[in-house]
Amino acid sequence: MLKGQASTFYYNCLAGKGYDFNRIIYKLRCHFKTEENKQQYILEWRETTFLRIITINLGISWLKYL
């Protein structure tokens, strides 16, 4: 199941084109697995801390983080 940008890309660029499953996977990977995206994921991962997650989700009980 796709969501977010992947869903939008699928419906805008791939749906109804007659592609088989493997071709759809290939096109999705080519579109999203770029060096720029990889660097963004690495940056986000490095900035992720327990305190940051708690701060972003202040309305959730801390027990859900454990």
N, C-alpha and C. Protein backbone atom coordinates (compact mmCIF):
# COMPACT_ATOMS: atom_id res chain seq x y z
N MET A 1 0.85 -1.17 0.00
CA MET A 1 0.00 0.00 0.00
C MET A 1 0.90 1.24 0.00
N LEU A 2 0.59 2.15 -0.86
CA LEU A 2 1.36 3.39 -0.96
C LEU A 2 0.65 4.52 -0.24
N LYS A 3 1.44 5.46 0.27
CA LYS A 3 0.85 6.65 0.88
C LYS A 3 1.76 7.83 0.63
N GLY A 4 1.24 9.00 0.84
CA GLY A 4 2.03 10.22 0.70
C GLY A 4 2.53 10.44 -0.71
N GLN A 5 3.80 10.80 -0.83
CA GLN A 5 4.40 11.12 -2.13
C GLN A 5 4.40 9.92 -3.07
N ALA A 6 4.59 8.72 -2.52
CA ALA A 6 4.61 7.53 -3.36
C ALA A 6 3.24 7.30 -4.00
N SER A 7 2.19 7.50 -3.24
CA SER A 7 0.84 7.35 -3.76
C SER A 7 0.56 8.40 -4.84
N THR A 8 0.94 9.63 -4.58
CA THR A 8 0.74 10.70 -5.55
C THR A 8 1.50 10.41 -6.84
N PHE A 9 2.75 9.99 -6.72
CA PHE A 9 3.56 9.67 -7.89
C PHE A 9 2.93 8.52 -8.67
N TYR A 10 2.47 7.51 -7.97
CA TYR A 10 1.85 6.36 -8.63
C TYR A 10 0.62 6.80 -9.44
N TYR A 11 -0.28 7.52 -8.82
CA TYR A 11 -1.51 7.91 -9.52
C TYR A 11 -1.27 8.93 -10.62
N ASN A 12 -0.28 9.79 -10.45
CA ASN A 12 0.00 10.80 -11.48
C ASN A 12 0.83 10.27 -12.65
N CYS A 13 1.70 9.31 -12.38
CA CYS A 13 2.67 8.91 -13.41
C CYS A 13 2.64 7.45 -13.82
N LEU A 14 2.07 6.57 -13.00
CA LEU A 14 2.17 5.14 -13.30
C LEU A 14 0.83 4.45 -13.53
N ALA A 15 -0.19 4.86 -12.82
CA ALA A 15 -1.48 4.20 -12.90
C ALA A 15 -2.05 4.29 -14.31
N GLY A 16 -2.61 3.19 -14.77
CA GLY A 16 -3.26 3.17 -16.07
C GLY A 16 -2.33 3.10 -17.26
N LYS A 17 -1.04 2.90 -17.02
CA LYS A 17 -0.06 2.86 -18.11
C LYS A 17 0.19 1.43 -18.60
N GLY A 18 -0.39 0.45 -17.93
CA GLY A 18 -0.20 -0.94 -18.34
C GLY A 18 1.09 -1.57 -17.85
N TYR A 19 1.76 -0.94 -16.90
CA TYR A 19 3.00 -1.50 -16.37
C TYR A 19 2.71 -2.72 -15.50
N ASP A 20 3.59 -3.72 -15.57
CA ASP A 20 3.46 -4.85 -14.65
C ASP A 20 4.04 -4.46 -13.29
N PHE A 21 3.83 -5.31 -12.31
CA PHE A 21 4.24 -5.01 -10.94
C PHE A 21 5.73 -4.68 -10.84
N ASN A 22 6.57 -5.50 -11.47
CA ASN A 22 8.02 -5.28 -11.38
C ASN A 22 8.44 -3.95 -12.00
N ARG A 23 7.78 -3.55 -13.07
CA ARG A 23 8.10 -2.27 -13.71
C ARG A 23 7.68 -1.10 -12.81
N ILE A 24 6.55 -1.24 -12.14
CA ILE A 24 6.09 -0.20 -11.21
C ILE A 24 7.09 -0.05 -10.07
N ILE A 25 7.54 -1.17 -9.51
CA ILE A 25 8.54 -1.13 -8.43
C ILE A 25 9.82 -0.46 -8.93
N TYR A 26 10.26 -0.82 -10.12
CA TYR A 26 11.46 -0.23 -10.69
C TYR A 26 11.33 1.30 -10.82
N LYS A 27 10.20 1.73 -11.36
CA LYS A 27 9.99 3.18 -11.56
C LYS A 27 9.89 3.92 -10.23
N LEU A 28 9.24 3.32 -9.24
CA LEU A 28 9.17 3.94 -7.92
C LEU A 28 10.56 4.07 -7.31
N ARG A 29 11.35 3.02 -7.41
CA ARG A 29 12.72 3.07 -6.86
C ARG A 29 13.57 4.11 -7.56
N CYS A 30 13.47 4.16 -8.88
CA CYS A 30 14.25 5.15 -9.62
C CYS A 30 13.86 6.57 -9.24
N HIS A 31 12.59 6.77 -8.98
CA HIS A 31 12.11 8.11 -8.64
C HIS A 31 12.51 8.53 -7.23
N PHE A 32 12.45 7.60 -6.28
CA PHE A 32 12.65 7.96 -4.87
C PHE A 32 14.03 7.61 -4.31
N LYS A 33 14.71 6.63 -4.85
CA LYS A 33 16.01 6.24 -4.31
C LYS A 33 17.13 6.98 -5.03
N THR A 34 17.15 8.29 -4.84
CA THR A 34 18.19 9.11 -5.44
C THR A 34 19.25 9.42 -4.39
N GLU A 35 20.38 9.88 -4.83
CA GLU A 35 21.45 10.25 -3.90
C GLU A 35 21.01 11.40 -3.00
N GLU A 36 20.26 12.33 -3.55
CA GLU A 36 19.76 13.46 -2.76
C GLU A 36 18.84 12.98 -1.63
N ASN A 37 17.93 12.08 -1.94
CA ASN A 37 17.04 11.53 -0.91
C ASN A 37 17.82 10.75 0.13
N LYS A 38 18.81 9.99 -0.32
CA LYS A 38 19.64 9.21 0.60
C LYS A 38 20.33 10.14 1.61
N GLN A 39 20.88 11.24 1.13
CA GLN A 39 21.54 12.20 2.02
C GLN A 39 20.55 12.82 3.00
N GLN A 40 19.33 13.09 2.53
CA GLN A 40 18.30 13.66 3.40
C GLN A 40 17.92 12.66 4.50
N TYR A 41 17.78 11.38 4.15
CA TYR A 41 17.45 10.35 5.15
C TYR A 41 18.56 10.23 6.18
N ILE A 42 19.81 10.28 5.73
CA ILE A 42 20.95 10.19 6.65
C ILE A 42 20.96 11.39 7.59
N LEU A 43 20.73 12.58 7.07
CA LEU A 43 20.69 13.79 7.90
C LEU A 43 19.57 13.68 8.94
N GLU A 44 18.39 13.26 8.50
CA GLU A 44 17.27 13.12 9.43
C GLU A 44 17.58 12.08 10.51
N TRP A 45 18.20 10.98 10.12
CA TRP A 45 18.55 9.93 11.07
C TRP A 45 19.55 10.46 12.11
N ARG A 46 20.54 11.21 11.67
CA ARG A 46 21.55 11.75 12.59
C ARG A 46 20.97 12.76 13.57
N GLU A 47 19.92 13.48 13.14
CA GLU A 47 19.30 14.48 14.00
C GLU A 47 18.24 13.90 14.93
N THR A 48 17.92 12.63 14.75
CA THR A 48 16.87 12.00 15.56
C THR A 48 17.44 11.61 16.92
N THR A 49 16.83 12.17 17.97
CA THR A 49 17.21 11.84 19.33
C THR A 49 15.94 11.55 20.12
N PHE A 50 16.10 10.88 21.23
CA PHE A 50 14.97 10.57 22.10
C PHE A 50 14.27 11.87 22.53
N LEU A 51 15.04 12.86 22.92
CA LEU A 51 14.47 14.14 23.35
C LEU A 51 13.70 14.82 22.21
N ARG A 52 14.24 14.76 21.00
CA ARG A 52 13.55 15.37 19.85
C ARG A 52 12.21 14.68 19.59
N ILE A 53 12.18 13.36 19.67
CA ILE A 53 10.94 12.62 19.45
C ILE A 53 9.90 13.00 20.50
N ILE A 54 10.32 13.09 21.74
CA ILE A 54 9.40 13.49 22.82
C ILE A 54 8.88 14.90 22.57
N THR A 55 9.76 15.81 22.18
CA THR A 55 9.36 17.20 21.94
C THR A 55 8.35 17.30 20.80
N ILE A 56 8.55 16.54 19.76
CA ILE A 56 7.64 16.56 18.61
C ILE A 56 6.27 16.00 18.99
N ASN A 57 6.26 15.04 19.92
CA ASN A 57 5.02 14.34 20.28
C ASN A 57 4.61 14.63 21.72
N LEU A 58 4.54 15.89 22.09
CA LEU A 58 4.26 16.27 23.48
C LEU A 58 2.94 15.74 24.01
N GLY A 59 1.95 15.53 23.16
CA GLY A 59 0.64 15.09 23.62
C GLY A 59 0.54 13.59 23.89
N ILE A 60 1.60 12.84 23.64
CA ILE A 60 1.57 11.39 23.81
C ILE A 60 2.30 11.02 25.10
N SER A 61 1.74 10.06 25.82
CA SER A 61 2.36 9.60 27.08
C SER A 61 3.77 9.08 26.82
N TRP A 62 4.70 9.37 27.72
CA TRP A 62 6.08 8.93 27.55
C TRP A 62 6.19 7.42 27.58
N LEU A 63 5.23 6.74 28.16
CA LEU A 63 5.26 5.26 28.18
C LEU A 63 5.19 4.67 26.78
N LYS A 64 4.58 5.39 25.86
CA LYS A 64 4.48 4.89 24.48
C LYS A 64 5.82 4.94 23.77
N TYR A 65 6.78 5.67 24.30
CA TYR A 65 8.10 5.77 23.67
C TYR A 65 9.00 4.59 24.06
N LEU A 66 8.66 3.87 25.09
CA LEU A 66 9.51 2.79 25.57
C LEU A 66 9.23 1.50 24.93
